Protein backbone atom coordinates (compact mmCIF):
# COMPACT_ATOMS: atom_id res chain seq x y z
CA UNK A 1 86.34 160.93 121.93
CA UNK A 2 85.09 159.61 125.21
CA UNK A 3 87.21 160.01 128.16
CA UNK A 4 87.82 157.72 130.94
CA UNK A 5 87.05 159.54 134.67
CA UNK A 6 89.68 159.69 137.13
CA UNK A 7 89.61 156.63 139.60
CA UNK A 8 92.32 154.42 141.54
CA UNK A 9 92.70 152.49 138.39
CA UNK A 10 94.87 155.54 137.03
CA UNK A 11 97.31 154.89 139.70
CA UNK A 12 100.45 153.71 138.44
CA UNK A 13 101.32 151.95 141.99
CA UNK A 14 99.62 150.01 144.19
CA UNK A 15 98.39 151.91 147.27
CA UNK A 16 100.25 151.66 150.58
CA UNK A 17 97.85 149.19 152.67
CA UNK A 18 99.37 150.63 155.83
CA UNK A 19 98.08 154.00 155.10
CA UNK A 20 95.63 155.13 157.78
CA UNK A 21 93.57 158.17 158.15
CA UNK A 22 95.20 160.42 160.44
CA UNK A 23 93.80 163.82 159.27
CA UNK A 24 90.24 165.19 159.19
CA UNK A 25 89.57 168.30 157.62
CA UNK A 26 86.85 170.36 157.65
CA UNK A 27 86.40 171.94 154.09
CA UNK A 28 87.10 170.14 150.76
CA UNK A 29 87.18 173.07 148.45
CA UNK A 30 89.78 174.60 145.59
CA UNK A 31 91.91 176.17 148.33
CA UNK A 32 92.37 173.22 150.72
CA UNK A 33 93.02 170.74 147.83
CA UNK A 34 95.51 172.96 146.20
CA UNK A 35 97.24 173.72 149.20
CA UNK A 36 96.87 171.46 152.52
CA UNK A 37 96.18 168.38 150.88
CA UNK A 38 98.84 168.99 148.12
CA UNK A 39 101.30 169.57 150.74
CA UNK A 40 100.45 166.25 152.65
CA UNK A 41 100.80 164.54 149.32
CA UNK A 42 104.34 165.54 149.15
CA UNK A 43 105.02 164.30 152.61
CA UNK A 44 103.68 160.89 151.86
CA UNK A 45 105.46 160.90 148.41
CA UNK A 46 108.71 161.66 150.01
CA UNK A 47 108.22 159.00 152.87
CA UNK A 48 108.28 161.80 155.38
CA UNK A 49 104.45 161.13 156.66
CA UNK A 50 102.28 158.22 156.61
CA UNK A 51 98.73 159.63 156.53
CA UNK A 52 95.30 160.27 154.65
CA UNK A 53 92.69 162.93 154.89
CA UNK A 54 88.99 162.40 155.59
CA UNK A 55 87.42 165.72 154.12
CA UNK A 56 84.14 166.81 155.56
CA UNK A 57 81.61 169.10 153.99
CA UNK A 58 81.40 172.31 156.11
CA UNK A 59 77.74 173.47 154.65
CA UNK A 60 74.61 171.83 153.63
CA UNK A 61 74.78 173.24 150.20
CA UNK A 62 78.21 171.65 149.25
CA UNK A 63 78.66 169.70 146.10
CA UNK A 64 82.16 168.47 146.18
CA UNK A 65 81.72 165.28 148.38
CA UNK A 66 79.98 163.03 145.85
CA UNK A 67 82.54 164.42 143.04
CA UNK A 68 85.37 163.26 145.23
CA UNK A 69 83.93 160.20 146.17
CA UNK A 70 83.42 159.20 142.56
CA UNK A 71 87.20 159.79 141.99
CA UNK A 72 88.16 157.75 144.75
CA UNK A 73 89.44 160.96 146.24
CA UNK A 74 91.96 161.53 143.77
CA UNK A 75 92.14 165.04 141.62
CA UNK A 76 94.79 166.71 139.86
CA UNK A 77 96.82 169.75 140.56
CA UNK A 78 97.84 172.12 138.01
CA UNK A 79 100.54 174.72 139.10
CA UNK A 80 101.34 177.39 136.58
CA UNK A 81 103.00 180.64 136.57
CA UNK A 82 106.63 182.22 137.05
CA UNK A 83 109.19 180.23 139.56
CA UNK A 84 112.70 181.29 139.66
CA UNK A 85 112.31 183.31 136.70
CA UNK A 86 110.94 180.46 134.61
CA UNK A 87 107.39 180.05 133.43
CA UNK A 88 106.36 176.85 134.82
CA UNK A 89 103.15 174.39 134.20
CA UNK A 90 103.16 171.34 136.31
CA UNK A 91 100.33 168.69 136.49
CA UNK A 92 100.26 166.28 139.40
CA UNK A 93 97.99 163.51 140.51
CA UNK A 94 97.29 164.03 144.07
CA UNK A 95 96.38 160.82 146.31
CA UNK A 96 96.20 162.31 149.84
CA UNK A 97 92.51 162.42 150.47
CA UNK A 98 90.83 158.83 151.54
CA UNK A 99 87.19 160.02 151.04
CA UNK A 100 84.77 162.86 151.58
CA UNK A 101 81.63 162.88 154.04
CA UNK A 102 78.67 164.66 154.11
CA UNK A 103 77.93 165.20 157.91
CA UNK A 104 74.33 166.28 157.19
CA UNK A 105 73.47 163.07 155.86
CA UNK A 106 76.11 160.67 157.46
CA UNK A 107 77.16 162.24 160.60
CA UNK A 108 77.51 158.74 162.26
CA UNK A 109 80.62 158.46 159.82
CA UNK A 110 82.31 161.60 161.42
CA UNK A 111 81.58 160.28 164.74
CA UNK A 112 83.42 157.08 163.51
CA UNK A 113 86.41 159.13 162.35
CA UNK A 114 86.28 160.96 165.82
CA UNK A 115 86.51 157.65 167.71
CA UNK A 116 89.74 156.52 165.49
CA UNK A 117 92.85 156.17 167.92
CA UNK A 118 94.85 157.15 164.56
CA UNK A 119 93.40 160.74 164.13
CA UNK A 120 96.11 163.49 164.96
CA UNK A 121 95.22 166.45 162.94
CA UNK A 122 92.20 168.74 162.08
CA UNK A 123 92.48 171.47 159.24
CA UNK A 124 89.70 173.73 157.70
CA UNK A 125 89.05 176.37 155.60
CA UNK A 126 85.46 177.61 155.83
CA UNK A 127 86.10 181.42 155.05
CA UNK A 128 86.18 184.01 157.54
CA UNK A 129 82.20 183.42 158.13
CA UNK A 130 82.71 180.05 159.00
CA UNK A 131 85.03 181.07 161.92
CA UNK A 132 82.03 182.75 163.84
CA UNK A 133 80.15 182.12 166.89
CA UNK A 134 76.56 181.13 166.66
CA UNK A 135 74.28 179.76 169.12
CA UNK A 136 72.78 176.42 168.06
CA UNK A 137 71.56 173.34 169.86
CA UNK A 138 73.42 170.17 170.53
CA UNK A 139 71.94 166.76 169.15
CA UNK A 140 74.17 163.81 169.29
CA UNK A 141 72.54 162.31 166.26
CA UNK A 142 73.06 165.40 163.80
CA UNK A 143 75.68 167.49 162.67
CA UNK A 144 76.09 171.10 164.12
CA UNK A 145 75.58 173.62 161.26
CA UNK A 146 78.66 175.55 162.55
CA UNK A 147 82.48 174.67 161.71
CA UNK A 148 83.19 175.29 165.44
CA UNK A 149 80.15 173.46 166.74
CA UNK A 150 81.11 170.49 164.53
CA UNK A 151 84.54 170.87 166.35
CA UNK A 152 83.13 170.59 169.75
CA UNK A 153 80.92 167.42 168.82
CA UNK A 154 83.90 165.75 167.41
CA UNK A 155 85.94 166.31 170.20
CA UNK A 156 83.32 165.26 172.86
CA UNK A 157 83.02 161.89 170.97
CA UNK A 158 86.68 161.57 171.25
CA UNK A 159 86.76 162.46 174.80
CA UNK A 160 84.04 159.95 175.65
CA UNK A 161 85.57 157.17 173.31
CA UNK A 162 88.95 157.36 175.06
CA UNK A 163 87.89 158.37 178.74
CA UNK A 164 89.86 161.62 178.60
CA UNK A 165 92.97 160.00 177.64
CA UNK A 166 95.46 162.93 177.21
CA UNK A 167 97.44 161.16 174.55
CA UNK A 168 94.20 161.31 172.17
CA UNK A 169 94.18 165.15 172.16
CA UNK A 170 94.33 166.39 168.53
CA UNK A 171 96.03 169.31 166.81
CA UNK A 172 93.85 171.72 165.13
CA UNK A 173 95.25 173.96 162.39
CA UNK A 174 92.59 176.47 160.92
CA UNK A 175 93.26 178.03 157.50
CA UNK A 176 90.73 180.83 157.75
CA UNK A 177 91.83 184.04 156.48
CA UNK A 178 91.37 185.60 160.20
CA UNK A 179 94.20 186.90 162.18
CA UNK A 180 94.75 184.72 164.96
CA UNK A 181 92.62 182.11 163.66
CA UNK A 182 93.76 179.45 166.15
CA UNK A 183 92.89 181.69 169.31
CA UNK A 184 89.51 182.78 167.87
CA UNK A 185 88.74 179.03 167.27
CA UNK A 186 89.57 178.03 170.56
CA UNK A 187 87.47 181.09 172.22
CA UNK A 188 84.35 180.23 169.81
CA UNK A 189 84.87 176.42 171.06
CA UNK A 190 84.93 177.40 174.80
CA UNK A 191 81.58 179.27 174.44
CA UNK A 192 79.99 176.58 172.66
CA UNK A 193 80.92 174.20 175.32
CA UNK A 194 79.63 176.40 177.73
CA UNK A 195 76.14 176.47 175.70
CA UNK A 196 75.68 172.86 175.57
CA UNK A 197 76.75 172.37 179.25
CA UNK A 198 79.23 170.01 178.73
CA UNK A 199 81.06 168.33 181.62
CA UNK A 200 83.98 170.24 183.29
CA UNK A 201 86.33 167.50 182.50
CA UNK A 202 85.66 167.69 178.75
CA UNK A 203 86.40 171.41 179.05
CA UNK A 204 89.70 170.98 181.07
CA UNK A 205 90.58 167.98 178.23
CA UNK A 206 89.82 170.16 175.37
CA UNK A 207 92.18 173.10 176.76
CA UNK A 208 95.07 170.69 177.99
CA UNK A 209 95.17 168.29 175.61
CA UNK A 210 94.32 169.89 172.41
CA UNK A 211 96.64 172.35 170.43
CA UNK A 212 94.84 175.28 168.70
CA UNK A 213 97.67 176.97 166.21
CA UNK A 214 97.59 180.22 164.54
CA UNK A 215 98.49 180.05 161.01
CA UNK A 216 98.99 182.52 157.88
CA UNK A 217 98.35 180.87 154.61
CA UNK A 218 99.18 182.34 151.03
CA UNK A 219 98.57 180.76 147.65
CA UNK A 220 96.45 181.74 144.83
CA UNK A 221 94.23 178.82 143.86
CA UNK A 222 91.65 179.70 141.10
CA UNK A 223 90.17 176.21 140.91
CA UNK A 224 88.55 174.50 138.00
CA UNK A 225 89.85 175.78 134.50
CA UNK A 226 86.54 176.47 133.02
CA UNK A 227 87.09 176.65 129.24
CA UNK A 228 90.06 174.62 129.07
CA UNK A 229 88.46 171.54 129.80
CA UNK A 230 89.36 169.71 126.46
CA UNK A 231 93.18 171.14 126.48
CA UNK A 232 93.42 169.29 130.11
CA UNK A 233 91.82 166.33 128.91
CA UNK A 234 94.38 165.94 126.16
CA UNK A 235 97.03 166.72 128.22
CA UNK A 236 96.27 164.18 131.13
CA UNK A 237 94.37 161.68 129.14
CA UNK A 238 91.59 161.58 131.56
CA UNK A 239 88.69 163.53 132.37
CA UNK A 240 88.96 165.01 136.02
CA UNK A 241 86.06 167.03 137.37
CA UNK A 242 88.17 168.36 140.26
CA UNK A 243 90.94 169.86 138.47
CA UNK A 244 92.52 172.38 140.40
CA UNK A 245 94.65 175.32 139.37
CA UNK A 246 96.63 177.34 141.38
CA UNK A 247 100.12 179.27 141.30
CA UNK A 248 103.40 177.82 142.26
CA UNK A 249 104.22 180.10 145.11
CA UNK A 250 102.93 179.03 148.40
CA UNK A 251 103.52 179.73 152.02
CA UNK A 252 102.24 178.16 155.02
CA UNK A 253 103.03 179.56 158.56
CA UNK A 254 101.96 177.47 161.69
CA UNK A 255 102.58 178.68 165.14
CA UNK A 256 103.05 175.28 166.90
CA UNK A 257 105.42 173.84 169.21
CA UNK A 258 108.28 171.89 168.07
CA UNK A 259 106.83 168.28 168.19
CA UNK A 260 104.19 169.11 165.72
CA UNK A 261 106.73 170.36 163.19
CA UNK A 262 108.36 166.80 163.92
CA UNK A 263 104.99 164.99 163.11
CA UNK A 264 104.43 166.99 159.88
CA UNK A 265 107.97 167.94 158.49
CA UNK A 266 106.78 170.13 155.67
CA UNK A 267 109.97 171.81 155.68
CA UNK A 268 111.77 168.81 154.90
CA UNK A 269 109.95 168.05 152.16
CA UNK A 270 110.97 171.45 150.35
CA UNK A 271 107.89 173.43 151.07
CA UNK A 272 107.79 176.87 151.76
CA UNK A 273 106.56 176.36 155.44
CA UNK A 274 107.51 178.26 158.45
CA UNK A 275 106.93 177.25 162.13
CA UNK A 276 106.50 180.01 164.65
CA UNK A 277 105.08 183.37 165.46
CA UNK A 278 102.62 184.62 162.38
CA UNK A 279 103.13 187.95 163.21
CA UNK A 280 106.29 188.78 161.34
CA UNK A 281 105.01 187.01 157.98
CA UNK A 282 101.41 188.63 158.34
CA UNK A 283 103.73 191.93 158.22
CA UNK A 284 105.46 191.02 155.07
CA UNK A 285 102.32 189.59 153.30
CA UNK A 286 100.14 192.87 154.25
CA UNK A 287 102.76 195.43 153.61
CA UNK A 288 104.63 193.77 150.52
CA UNK A 289 102.19 191.71 148.61
CA UNK A 290 98.73 193.34 149.31
CA UNK A 291 100.43 196.78 149.94
CA UNK A 292 102.04 196.56 146.36
CA UNK A 293 98.58 195.35 144.93
CA UNK A 294 96.55 198.44 146.64
CA UNK A 295 99.66 201.01 145.43
CA UNK A 296 99.48 200.03 141.99
CA UNK A 297 95.70 199.36 141.29
CA UNK A 298 94.38 202.77 140.71
CA UNK A 299 97.18 203.97 139.12
CA UNK A 300 97.50 201.04 136.86
CA UNK A 301 93.79 200.92 135.57
CA UNK A 302 93.94 204.74 135.08
CA UNK A 303 96.75 203.93 132.81
CA UNK A 304 94.64 201.95 130.74
CA UNK A 305 95.29 198.32 131.48
CA UNK A 306 92.73 196.10 133.11
CA UNK A 307 94.82 193.01 135.11
CA UNK A 308 98.18 192.77 137.45
CA UNK A 309 99.79 190.73 134.46
CA UNK A 310 99.05 193.30 131.94
CA UNK A 311 100.58 195.89 134.25
CA UNK A 312 103.82 193.79 134.59
CA UNK A 313 103.90 193.74 130.88
CA UNK A 314 103.97 197.40 130.35
CA UNK A 315 107.52 198.90 130.90
CA UNK A 316 106.33 202.16 132.26
CA UNK A 317 103.94 200.51 134.90
CA UNK A 318 106.41 198.04 135.90
CA UNK A 319 109.08 200.40 136.54
CA UNK A 320 106.34 202.38 138.50
CA UNK A 321 105.39 199.05 140.51
CA UNK A 322 108.79 198.02 141.43
CA UNK A 323 110.34 201.38 142.27
CA UNK A 324 107.48 201.73 144.80
CA UNK A 325 107.78 198.41 146.29
CA UNK A 326 111.59 198.06 146.56
CA UNK A 327 112.50 201.51 147.05
CA UNK A 328 109.41 203.05 149.25
CA UNK A 329 107.70 199.90 150.76
CA UNK A 330 110.31 197.68 151.34
CA UNK A 331 113.15 199.82 153.50
CA UNK A 332 110.00 200.63 155.78
CA UNK A 333 109.08 197.08 156.63
CA UNK A 334 110.97 195.77 159.90
CA UNK A 335 112.06 191.99 159.13
CA UNK A 336 115.06 190.05 158.28
CA UNK A 337 116.62 191.65 155.07
CA UNK A 338 117.12 188.38 153.19
CA UNK A 339 113.69 187.00 154.18
CA UNK A 340 111.85 190.29 152.93
CA UNK A 341 114.25 190.68 149.97
CA UNK A 342 112.85 187.23 148.75
CA UNK A 343 109.47 187.90 149.72
CA UNK A 344 109.67 191.01 147.82
CA UNK A 345 111.14 189.36 144.68
CA UNK A 346 108.34 186.77 144.88
CA UNK A 347 105.74 189.35 144.84
CA UNK A 348 106.83 190.48 141.27
CA UNK A 349 107.10 187.05 140.19
CA UNK A 350 103.70 186.34 141.35
CA UNK A 351 102.36 189.58 139.71
CA UNK A 352 103.98 188.32 136.31
CA UNK A 353 102.00 185.29 136.14
CA UNK A 354 100.55 185.11 132.52
CA UNK A 355 98.25 182.39 133.60
CA UNK A 356 96.31 184.69 136.40
CA UNK A 357 93.99 187.45 135.41
CA UNK A 358 93.60 189.01 138.49
CA UNK A 359 91.68 192.15 137.57
CA UNK A 360 92.63 195.69 139.01
CA UNK A 361 88.94 196.37 139.83
CA UNK A 362 88.72 193.28 142.06
CA UNK A 363 91.82 194.90 144.11
CA UNK A 364 89.93 197.86 144.13
CA UNK A 365 86.85 196.77 146.27
CA UNK A 366 87.03 198.75 149.52
CA UNK A 367 90.29 200.65 148.22
CA UNK A 368 90.28 203.27 150.87
CA UNK A 369 90.09 200.63 153.95
CA UNK A 370 92.79 198.48 151.92
CA UNK A 371 94.76 201.75 151.68
CA UNK A 372 94.88 202.21 155.33
CA UNK A 373 95.90 199.18 156.32
CA UNK A 374 98.15 198.35 153.55
CA UNK A 375 99.65 201.26 152.26
CA UNK A 376 99.62 203.96 154.95
CA UNK A 377 101.88 202.28 157.27
CA UNK A 378 104.46 202.24 154.53
CA UNK A 379 103.85 206.02 153.82
CA UNK A 380 104.15 207.36 157.33
CA UNK A 381 107.38 205.25 157.96
CA UNK A 382 108.81 206.39 154.69
CA UNK A 383 108.41 210.00 155.88
CA UNK A 384 109.59 209.24 159.30
CA UNK A 385 112.93 207.77 157.96
CA UNK A 386 113.53 210.16 155.12
CA UNK A 387 111.54 213.27 155.84
CA UNK A 388 110.53 213.68 152.36
CA UNK A 389 107.41 212.07 150.85
CA UNK A 390 107.56 208.95 148.99
CA UNK A 391 106.88 209.66 145.41
CA UNK A 392 105.36 206.81 143.81
CA UNK A 393 102.88 205.96 147.37
CA UNK A 394 102.14 209.71 147.03
CA UNK A 395 100.87 209.54 143.25
CA UNK A 396 99.09 206.27 144.17
CA UNK A 397 97.18 208.18 146.90
CA UNK A 398 96.38 210.82 144.16
CA UNK A 399 95.21 208.15 141.66
CA UNK A 400 93.07 206.39 144.52
CA UNK A 401 91.30 209.61 145.06
CA UNK A 402 90.64 210.01 141.50
CA UNK A 403 89.49 206.20 141.23
CA UNK A 404 86.95 206.77 143.76
CA UNK A 405 85.76 210.19 142.49
CA UNK A 406 82.19 209.16 141.26
CA UNK A 407 80.12 210.34 138.28
CA UNK A 408 76.83 208.64 139.69
CA UNK A 409 75.29 205.72 141.67
CA UNK A 410 75.53 201.94 141.07
CA UNK A 411 72.91 200.74 143.12
CA UNK A 412 74.09 200.78 146.74
CA UNK A 413 77.41 202.03 145.69
CA UNK A 414 79.05 204.53 143.45
CA UNK A 415 80.09 204.55 139.76
CA UNK A 416 83.26 205.57 138.47
CA UNK A 417 84.32 206.21 134.88
CA UNK A 418 87.64 205.69 132.91
CA UNK A 419 87.58 207.07 129.74
CA UNK A 420 83.86 205.76 129.02
CA UNK A 421 84.58 202.54 130.75
CA UNK A 422 82.36 202.17 134.11
CA UNK A 423 83.20 200.71 137.18
CA UNK A 424 81.62 200.14 140.70
CA UNK A 425 83.03 201.94 143.51
CA UNK A 426 82.88 199.78 146.79
CA UNK A 427 83.46 200.80 150.39
CA UNK A 428 81.41 201.44 153.75
CA UNK A 429 78.42 203.49 153.52
CA UNK A 430 79.98 206.34 155.46
CA UNK A 431 83.33 206.44 153.33
CA UNK A 432 80.76 206.44 149.72
CA UNK A 433 78.57 209.12 151.61
CA UNK A 434 81.74 211.14 151.95
CA UNK A 435 83.22 210.78 148.57
CA UNK A 436 80.15 211.56 146.91
CA UNK A 437 79.62 215.07 149.25
CA UNK A 438 82.94 216.15 149.01
CA UNK A 439 83.53 215.36 145.14
CA UNK A 440 79.76 216.85 144.37
CA UNK A 441 80.98 219.85 145.94
CA UNK A 442 84.22 220.18 144.03
CA UNK A 443 82.00 219.39 140.63
CA UNK A 444 79.99 222.33 141.62
CA UNK A 445 82.84 224.63 142.33
CA UNK A 446 82.01 225.01 145.87
CA UNK A 447 85.28 223.46 146.74
CA UNK A 448 88.62 223.87 145.03
CA UNK A 449 90.70 220.89 144.46
CA UNK A 450 92.95 221.49 147.30
CA UNK A 451 89.96 221.87 149.58
CA UNK A 452 88.23 218.78 148.46
CA UNK A 453 91.68 216.81 148.84
CA UNK A 454 92.46 218.52 152.34
CA UNK A 455 89.16 217.38 153.57
CA UNK A 456 89.56 213.95 152.36
CA UNK A 457 92.85 213.24 153.70
CA UNK A 458 91.86 214.59 157.03
CA UNK A 459 89.53 212.08 157.41
CA UNK A 460 91.16 209.89 160.26
CA UNK A 461 88.17 207.47 160.34
CA UNK A 462 89.20 206.54 156.71
CA UNK A 463 92.99 206.56 157.05
CA UNK A 464 93.49 205.69 160.92
CA UNK A 465 95.46 209.39 161.07
CA UNK A 466 95.07 212.83 159.61
CA UNK A 467 96.89 212.29 156.57
CA UNK A 468 96.87 216.45 155.89
CA UNK A 469 99.16 216.66 158.70
CA UNK A 470 101.82 215.44 156.60
CA UNK A 471 104.15 218.20 155.35
CA UNK A 472 103.66 218.70 151.49
CA UNK A 473 101.20 215.83 150.90
CA UNK A 474 98.00 217.86 150.56
CA UNK A 475 99.75 220.03 147.73
CA UNK A 476 101.63 217.03 146.08
CA UNK A 477 98.05 215.10 145.97
CA UNK A 478 96.06 218.15 144.80
CA UNK A 479 98.96 218.82 142.03
CA UNK A 480 99.02 214.98 140.91
CA UNK A 481 95.05 214.91 140.89
CA UNK A 482 95.24 217.97 138.47
CA UNK A 483 97.64 216.41 135.97
CA UNK A 484 95.87 213.26 136.17
CA UNK A 485 92.57 214.77 135.07
CA UNK A 486 94.03 217.25 132.61
CA UNK A 487 97.07 215.12 130.94
CA UNK A 488 96.60 211.72 132.23
CA UNK A 489 98.28 209.62 134.79
CA UNK A 490 101.35 208.40 132.45
CA UNK A 491 102.69 211.82 132.47
CA UNK A 492 103.29 211.45 136.24
CA UNK A 493 104.77 208.11 136.32
CA UNK A 494 107.30 208.62 133.49
CA UNK A 495 108.78 211.81 135.26
C-alpha cells in the first residue's frame, strides 16, 4: 500500500492566519520536538499562546530541516509509558513549527527572523558540546559555526535593526544538560562579543535587555521508532518521517521572572513546568532518578537482567529497588515532602515503562563517577542520620565493585564478564588503571579481598571522600563481594 506523506492537507482545521513566528529555536532534533515544541503546541491548542517556532539547524551536518520543510513543519509525537498507574500510548499531530532553516546555506533567512518585531524567545538544545566557547571570526554574510556565535550574530542584527530598543530584547531558554546553562551561555556570549570587538552599546543592550534563563529538562525521547514504521503508518494513516516517540513524564524547570511565566503559561496548560530556582529540582533528579538508576544497575545486571524494565518485572529486583529508593535515598533528600514523594513515585512509573529498553550497561558507563555524584551523598547522609549502614546502598556498592572487576582489556577500556557475557567497563583512565592494578593484585593473591576493597574505597579521587572511614563499610562490602562471587547476588538481595 502506498501511504501519503504528512503535509498541511492532513489538518482538519484551517491554520490560524494570525499566528506569527515568535520563537526561534537552535536545534531541530528529537528532544526539542518531543519536549519544547510539544509544549508550545499545547499552549496554542488551549488558546494560552499564539506563536510559531522557527527551527534553526545547529551544525552543518544536520538532516532534519529538509524533512521538516517537506512536511510543512508538521510531525507526530507518540507518548507511551506508564502514567497514573495506567499504560498509555498517545499519538498527537504537532503544529507548533512553522519552518526550518539551514543557516549554512540560508543565513539571510536567519537574519530576517532576527529583524522580526515579533520574536520573543530563543530555545536551544545543541548538546553539552554545543554550549562551549570556541574562538571564531565574525562574518556578517555567513553563519557562525558555534551556537553561542549564532546567538551573538542574531542579537547584533536585532540590535541594529531596532536601534537598541529595550523592548526588543528576547528571553533565551537553553535546554542543554549543563548546570547553570543560562549563566554559561551569557558568559560565552560576552567572550564572543569581546572577540568580535562589537560596540559597547550593544554589549550593554545584551546584558540589560535580554534574559538568559537557567533550566532543567527531563523527558526521555527515543525518537524515530525504527522497525515499527508500518505499525505506525497503519495507525496514523500517513507516513511521517519525523515521528518522535517519548515517555509521558516531563519536567521543565525555568529560572525566569514572573513576566516570562505569564508570557509562556505552561503551568496553566497542565504541563509539569516549574518556575524558579533549578537547584532543588536538580537535586531531586540527581538523587532520586539518576541515583536510583545507579544504585540498581550493577545489582540487577549481575542478577541476570539486561534492562531497567526487566528489573521492574522481577519481584526480587523490584523490592530491592523500591526499598533502596524509598527507605534509604528518599529520607536523605532535603526537599518538600509531598514534592519529593511524588517525584519518587514517578521514578518507579518511568522505570516500569514497557516501551523503553533502557540497557543497564548504558547506565554503567562511567559508573564510579556516577556513584560518586549520585549515590555517595545519600549513603553519607543516611549514615549521618541513622548511625548505621544503608543496606541496599551498601550492597549496590559491592555490586558496583564486582561489575568493575576486569577480566581483560577492551580497546582503551576494560572488559567485564557476567556468566560468559562480556561487557565494557568505561571510566576515566586513572580509575581504569587503578581497577586493573588492584583487582590484578587480588587475583594473583598479592592482596586479600578486604585489602583490595580497603584500597578501592579509600580513593578520595574516585568517591570525593574516603569511604573506608565509614565504620563497618569495608567489612560489609568485602563480605557482600565474597557472597556475590561464590553464591550469586540474589542471595544478598533476598535476605
